[in-house]
N, C-alpha and C. Protein backbone atom coordinates (compact mmCIF):
# COMPACT_ATOMS: atom_id res chain seq x y z
N MET A 1 -1.78 8.18 -20.94
CA MET A 1 -2.93 8.55 -19.68
C MET A 1 -4.40 8.18 -20.01
N VAL A 2 -5.03 7.67 -21.27
CA VAL A 2 -6.23 7.19 -21.57
C VAL A 2 -6.37 6.12 -20.78
N PHE A 3 -5.32 4.81 -20.04
CA PHE A 3 -5.45 3.89 -19.72
C PHE A 3 -5.52 3.86 -18.50
N VAL A 4 -4.90 5.01 -17.37
CA VAL A 4 -4.96 5.25 -15.88
C VAL A 4 -5.97 5.75 -16.00
N LEU A 5 -6.77 6.80 -16.83
CA LEU A 5 -8.15 7.49 -17.16
C LEU A 5 -9.26 6.48 -16.97
N SER A 6 -9.17 5.72 -17.76
CA SER A 6 -10.47 4.60 -17.74
C SER A 6 -9.83 3.26 -16.44
N GLY A 7 -8.50 3.19 -16.07
CA GLY A 7 -8.40 2.58 -15.04
C GLY A 7 -9.29 3.05 -13.61
N VAL A 8 -9.33 4.32 -13.42
CA VAL A 8 -10.29 5.27 -12.61
C VAL A 8 -11.26 5.44 -12.72
N ILE A 9 -11.59 5.39 -13.80
CA ILE A 9 -13.27 5.40 -14.12
C ILE A 9 -13.84 4.15 -13.84
N HIS A 10 -12.95 2.80 -13.90
CA HIS A 10 -13.60 1.85 -13.76
C HIS A 10 -13.73 1.11 -11.95
N VAL A 11 -12.86 1.91 -11.48
CA VAL A 11 -12.59 2.14 -10.13
C VAL A 11 -13.88 2.73 -9.43
N GLY A 12 -14.20 3.92 -9.89
CA GLY A 12 -14.96 4.97 -9.57
C GLY A 12 -16.67 3.83 -9.74
N MET A 13 -16.83 3.67 -10.82
CA MET A 13 -17.74 2.54 -10.96
C MET A 13 -18.10 1.71 -10.59
N ILE A 14 -16.68 0.67 -9.53
CA ILE A 14 -17.32 -0.48 -8.87
C ILE A 14 -17.57 0.07 -7.52
N LEU A 15 -16.69 0.87 -6.95
CA LEU A 15 -17.06 1.76 -5.66
C LEU A 15 -18.93 2.40 -5.83
N TRP A 16 -18.86 3.09 -6.74
CA TRP A 16 -20.42 3.49 -6.25
C TRP A 16 -21.51 2.53 -6.62
N TRP A 17 -20.76 1.27 -7.52
CA TRP A 17 -21.92 0.39 -7.55
C TRP A 17 -22.14 -0.51 -6.35
N SER A 18 -20.87 -0.76 -5.82
CA SER A 18 -20.85 -1.50 -4.58
C SER A 18 -21.38 -0.87 -3.23
N GLU A 19 -21.20 0.29 -2.81
CA GLU A 19 -21.94 1.43 -2.31
C GLU A 19 -23.56 1.49 -2.11
N ARG A 20 -23.90 1.37 -3.47
CA ARG A 20 -25.13 1.49 -4.05
C ARG A 20 -26.22 0.39 -3.52
N ARG A 21 -25.43 -1.14 -4.26
CA ARG A 21 -26.13 -1.61 -3.90
C ARG A 21 -25.99 -2.85 -2.68
N TRP A 22 -25.09 -2.32 -1.93
CA TRP A 22 -24.73 -3.17 -0.64
C TRP A 22 -24.47 -2.08 0.75
N ASN A 23 -24.49 -0.79 0.18
CA ASN A 23 -23.56 -0.01 1.23
C ASN A 23 -22.47 -0.68 2.17
N ILE A 24 -21.67 -0.89 1.11
CA ILE A 24 -20.38 -1.35 1.85
C ILE A 24 -19.13 -0.43 2.18
N VAL A 25 -19.22 0.75 0.90
CA VAL A 25 -18.12 1.16 0.90
C VAL A 25 -17.93 1.84 1.61
N ARG A 26 -19.00 2.92 2.35
CA ARG A 26 -18.64 4.29 3.57
C ARG A 26 -18.24 3.55 5.01
N SER A 27 -19.17 2.05 4.95
CA SER A 27 -18.99 1.04 6.08
C SER A 27 -17.37 0.55 6.21
N SER A 28 -16.79 0.65 5.31
CA SER A 28 -15.53 -0.04 4.94
C SER A 28 -14.77 1.04 5.51
N LEU A 29 -14.69 2.13 4.82
CA LEU A 29 -13.89 3.88 5.17
C LEU A 29 -14.08 4.16 6.33
N LYS A 30 -15.10 4.04 7.13
CA LYS A 30 -15.09 4.33 8.56
C LYS A 30 -14.09 3.56 9.35
N LEU A 31 -13.96 2.57 8.92
CA LEU A 31 -13.28 1.08 9.69
C LEU A 31 -11.48 1.51 9.49
N ILE A 32 -10.60 2.08 8.38
CA ILE A 32 -9.82 2.51 7.81
C ILE A 32 -8.75 3.43 9.19
N ALA A 33 -7.66 3.35 10.21
CA ALA A 33 -7.30 3.96 11.01
C ALA A 33 -6.40 4.84 9.43
N TRP A 34 -6.90 5.89 9.49
CA TRP A 34 -6.03 6.90 8.24
C TRP A 34 -4.93 7.38 8.70
N THR A 35 -4.45 7.72 10.06
CA THR A 35 -3.27 8.30 10.64
C THR A 35 -2.12 7.00 10.89
N ARG A 36 -2.95 5.73 10.62
CA ARG A 36 -1.38 4.79 10.46
C ARG A 36 -1.19 4.10 8.98
N LEU A 37 -2.36 4.59 8.34
CA LEU A 37 -2.10 4.19 6.92
C LEU A 37 -1.26 5.12 6.35
N ALA A 38 -1.27 6.11 6.58
CA ALA A 38 -0.95 7.66 6.07
C ALA A 38 0.64 7.27 6.33
N ILE A 39 1.15 6.81 7.87
CA ILE A 39 2.61 6.41 8.35
C ILE A 39 3.13 5.12 7.46
N PHE A 40 1.96 4.20 7.29
CA PHE A 40 2.80 3.37 6.60
C PHE A 40 3.68 3.63 5.30
N LEU A 41 2.65 4.16 4.27
CA LEU A 41 2.51 4.57 2.92
C LEU A 41 3.90 5.83 2.64
N VAL A 42 3.65 6.78 3.96
CA VAL A 42 5.38 7.55 3.62
C VAL A 42 6.18 6.62 4.11
N GLY A 43 6.25 5.84 4.90
CA GLY A 43 7.55 4.60 4.84
C GLY A 43 7.92 3.78 3.94
N VAL A 44 6.95 3.78 3.26
CA VAL A 44 6.88 2.77 1.80
C VAL A 44 7.64 3.84 0.97
N ALA A 45 7.35 4.96 0.76
CA ALA A 45 7.78 5.78 -0.26
C ALA A 45 9.16 6.36 0.50
N LEU A 46 9.55 6.08 1.69
CA LEU A 46 11.28 6.72 1.92
C LEU A 46 11.66 5.58 1.52
N LEU A 47 11.25 4.39 1.91
CA LEU A 47 12.02 3.14 1.54
C LEU A 47 12.38 3.22 -0.24
N ALA A 48 11.21 3.33 -0.99
CA ALA A 48 11.31 3.79 -2.57
C ALA A 48 12.64 4.48 -2.72
N TRP A 49 12.46 5.53 -2.04
CA TRP A 49 13.55 6.64 -2.20
C TRP A 49 15.00 5.95 -2.01
N TYR A 50 14.73 5.67 -0.76
CA TYR A 50 16.22 4.91 -0.83
C TYR A 50 16.89 3.84 -1.10
N ALA A 51 15.82 2.93 -1.86
CA ALA A 51 16.18 1.97 -2.76
C ALA A 51 17.17 2.45 -4.07
N GLN A 52 16.28 3.64 -4.25
CA GLN A 52 16.54 4.20 -5.87
C GLN A 52 17.89 5.08 -5.53
N THR A 53 17.88 5.76 -4.51
CA THR A 53 19.49 6.73 -4.29
C THR A 53 20.70 5.61 -3.71
N MET A 54 20.30 4.61 -3.42
CA MET A 54 21.21 3.33 -2.51
C MET A 54 21.71 3.11 -3.77
N ARG A 55 23.51 2.85 -4.39
CA ARG A 55 23.89 1.78 -5.38
C ARG A 55 24.77 1.10 -4.10
N VAL A 56 24.93 -0.36 -4.22
CA VAL A 56 25.59 -1.09 -3.63
C VAL A 56 26.92 -1.41 -4.75
N SER A 57 26.51 -2.19 -5.81
CA SER A 57 27.78 -2.15 -6.57
C SER A 57 27.25 -1.98 -8.47
N GLY A 58 28.03 -2.33 -9.16
CA GLY A 58 27.64 -2.36 -10.67
C GLY A 58 26.81 -3.47 -10.71
N LEU A 59 26.43 -3.99 -10.30
CA LEU A 59 25.77 -5.77 -10.98
C LEU A 59 24.30 -5.55 -10.54
N ALA A 60 23.45 -5.86 -11.86
CA ALA A 60 22.09 -5.45 -11.40
C ALA A 60 21.63 -6.53 -10.54
N TRP A 61 22.12 -7.75 -10.45
CA TRP A 61 21.08 -8.45 -9.41
C TRP A 61 21.58 -7.89 -8.45
N VAL A 62 22.70 -7.53 -8.05
CA VAL A 62 23.10 -7.51 -6.58
C VAL A 62 22.42 -6.04 -5.87
N ASN A 63 21.82 -5.40 -6.86
CA ASN A 63 21.00 -3.78 -6.50
C ASN A 63 20.05 -4.37 -6.85
N LEU A 64 18.91 -5.58 -7.62
CA LEU A 64 17.73 -5.79 -7.33
C LEU A 64 17.76 -6.46 -5.83
N MET A 65 18.42 -7.22 -5.82
CA MET A 65 18.25 -8.23 -4.05
C MET A 65 18.43 -7.25 -3.22
N THR A 66 19.31 -6.16 -2.95
CA THR A 66 19.48 -5.12 -2.09
C THR A 66 18.06 -4.49 -1.84
N SER A 67 17.56 -3.67 -3.08
CA SER A 67 16.12 -3.29 -2.95
C SER A 67 14.72 -4.87 -2.46
N ALA A 68 15.03 -5.23 -2.34
CA ALA A 68 14.19 -6.56 -2.47
C ALA A 68 14.48 -7.15 -0.81
N VAL A 69 15.63 -6.80 -0.25
CA VAL A 69 15.68 -7.20 1.39
C VAL A 69 15.21 -5.79 1.62
N ILE A 70 15.35 -4.61 1.32
CA ILE A 70 14.54 -3.33 1.84
C ILE A 70 13.30 -3.23 1.85
N PHE A 71 12.96 -3.69 0.99
CA PHE A 71 11.22 -3.47 0.79
C PHE A 71 10.64 -4.92 1.72
N GLY A 72 11.49 -5.98 1.37
CA GLY A 72 10.77 -7.25 1.68
C GLY A 72 10.60 -7.23 3.90
N VAL A 73 11.97 -6.86 4.17
CA VAL A 73 11.56 -7.40 5.45
C VAL A 73 10.65 -6.46 6.17
N PRO A 74 10.51 -4.83 5.83
CA PRO A 74 9.36 -4.18 6.57
C PRO A 74 7.81 -4.20 6.38
N TYR A 75 8.21 -4.89 4.73
CA TYR A 75 6.75 -5.51 4.46
C TYR A 75 6.05 -6.46 4.47
N LEU A 76 7.22 -7.74 4.82
CA LEU A 76 6.44 -8.76 5.96
C LEU A 76 5.88 -8.48 7.38
N LEU A 77 6.85 -7.93 7.96
CA LEU A 77 6.49 -7.06 9.32
C LEU A 77 5.09 -6.68 9.29
N ALA A 78 5.21 -5.61 8.18
CA ALA A 78 4.13 -5.15 8.25
C ALA A 78 2.57 -5.77 7.90
N VAL A 79 2.95 -6.76 7.16
CA VAL A 79 1.83 -7.65 6.84
C VAL A 79 1.48 -8.35 7.85
N THR A 80 2.35 -8.88 8.56
CA THR A 80 2.41 -9.25 9.75
C THR A 80 1.44 -9.18 10.89
N LEU A 81 1.73 -7.60 11.10
CA LEU A 81 1.26 -6.76 12.22
C LEU A 81 -0.45 -6.59 11.82
N ILE A 82 -0.39 -6.38 10.66
CA ILE A 82 -1.70 -6.19 9.89
C ILE A 82 -2.68 -7.35 10.35
N TYR A 83 -2.27 -8.65 9.94
CA TYR A 83 -2.85 -9.77 10.40
C TYR A 83 -3.33 -10.12 11.75
N LYS A 84 -2.40 -10.05 12.20
CA LYS A 84 -2.19 -10.44 13.79
C LYS A 84 -2.84 -9.62 14.84
N LYS A 85 -2.36 -8.46 14.75
CA LYS A 85 -2.74 -7.25 15.55
C LYS A 85 -3.86 -6.07 15.12
N LYS A 86 -4.36 -6.28 13.99
CA LYS A 86 -5.19 -5.45 12.81
C LYS A 86 -4.44 -4.27 13.39
N LEU A 87 -3.53 -3.41 12.52
CA LEU A 87 -2.44 -2.63 12.33
C LEU A 87 -3.41 -1.32 11.95
N LEU A 88 -3.90 -1.86 11.07
CA LEU A 88 -4.71 0.00 10.42
C LEU A 88 -6.17 -0.41 10.07
N VAL A 89 -6.68 -1.19 11.02
CA VAL A 89 -7.96 -1.23 11.22
C VAL A 89 -8.31 -0.59 12.64
N ARG A 90 -9.19 -0.21 12.60
CA ARG A 90 -9.96 0.53 14.18
C ARG A 90 -10.73 -0.67 14.78
N SER A 91 -10.63 -1.11 16.18
CA SER A 91 -11.67 -1.79 16.67
C SER A 91 -13.04 -1.45 16.65
N VAL A 92 -13.75 -1.99 16.36
CA VAL A 92 -15.21 -1.73 16.55
C VAL A 92 -16.11 -1.95 17.64
């Protein structure tokens, strides 16, 4: 709990300092497409739930590879769309 709390405090301090010095935090937050980001995060949560509930076989490496495919394909697709089409960023 102390580790998590110290991490949250450090991130908060970095964000506060960055906003105070360069005014980049608020201007960056305005550029995020929040609806698309929320849909992406819900999709990742559903994939995580599916990967945890699905059991392919008793072998650990088969389950690990199945989870890697379940996460890998949509993740690579999302990353490609983010960089090529700016999916999670609003056009300015």
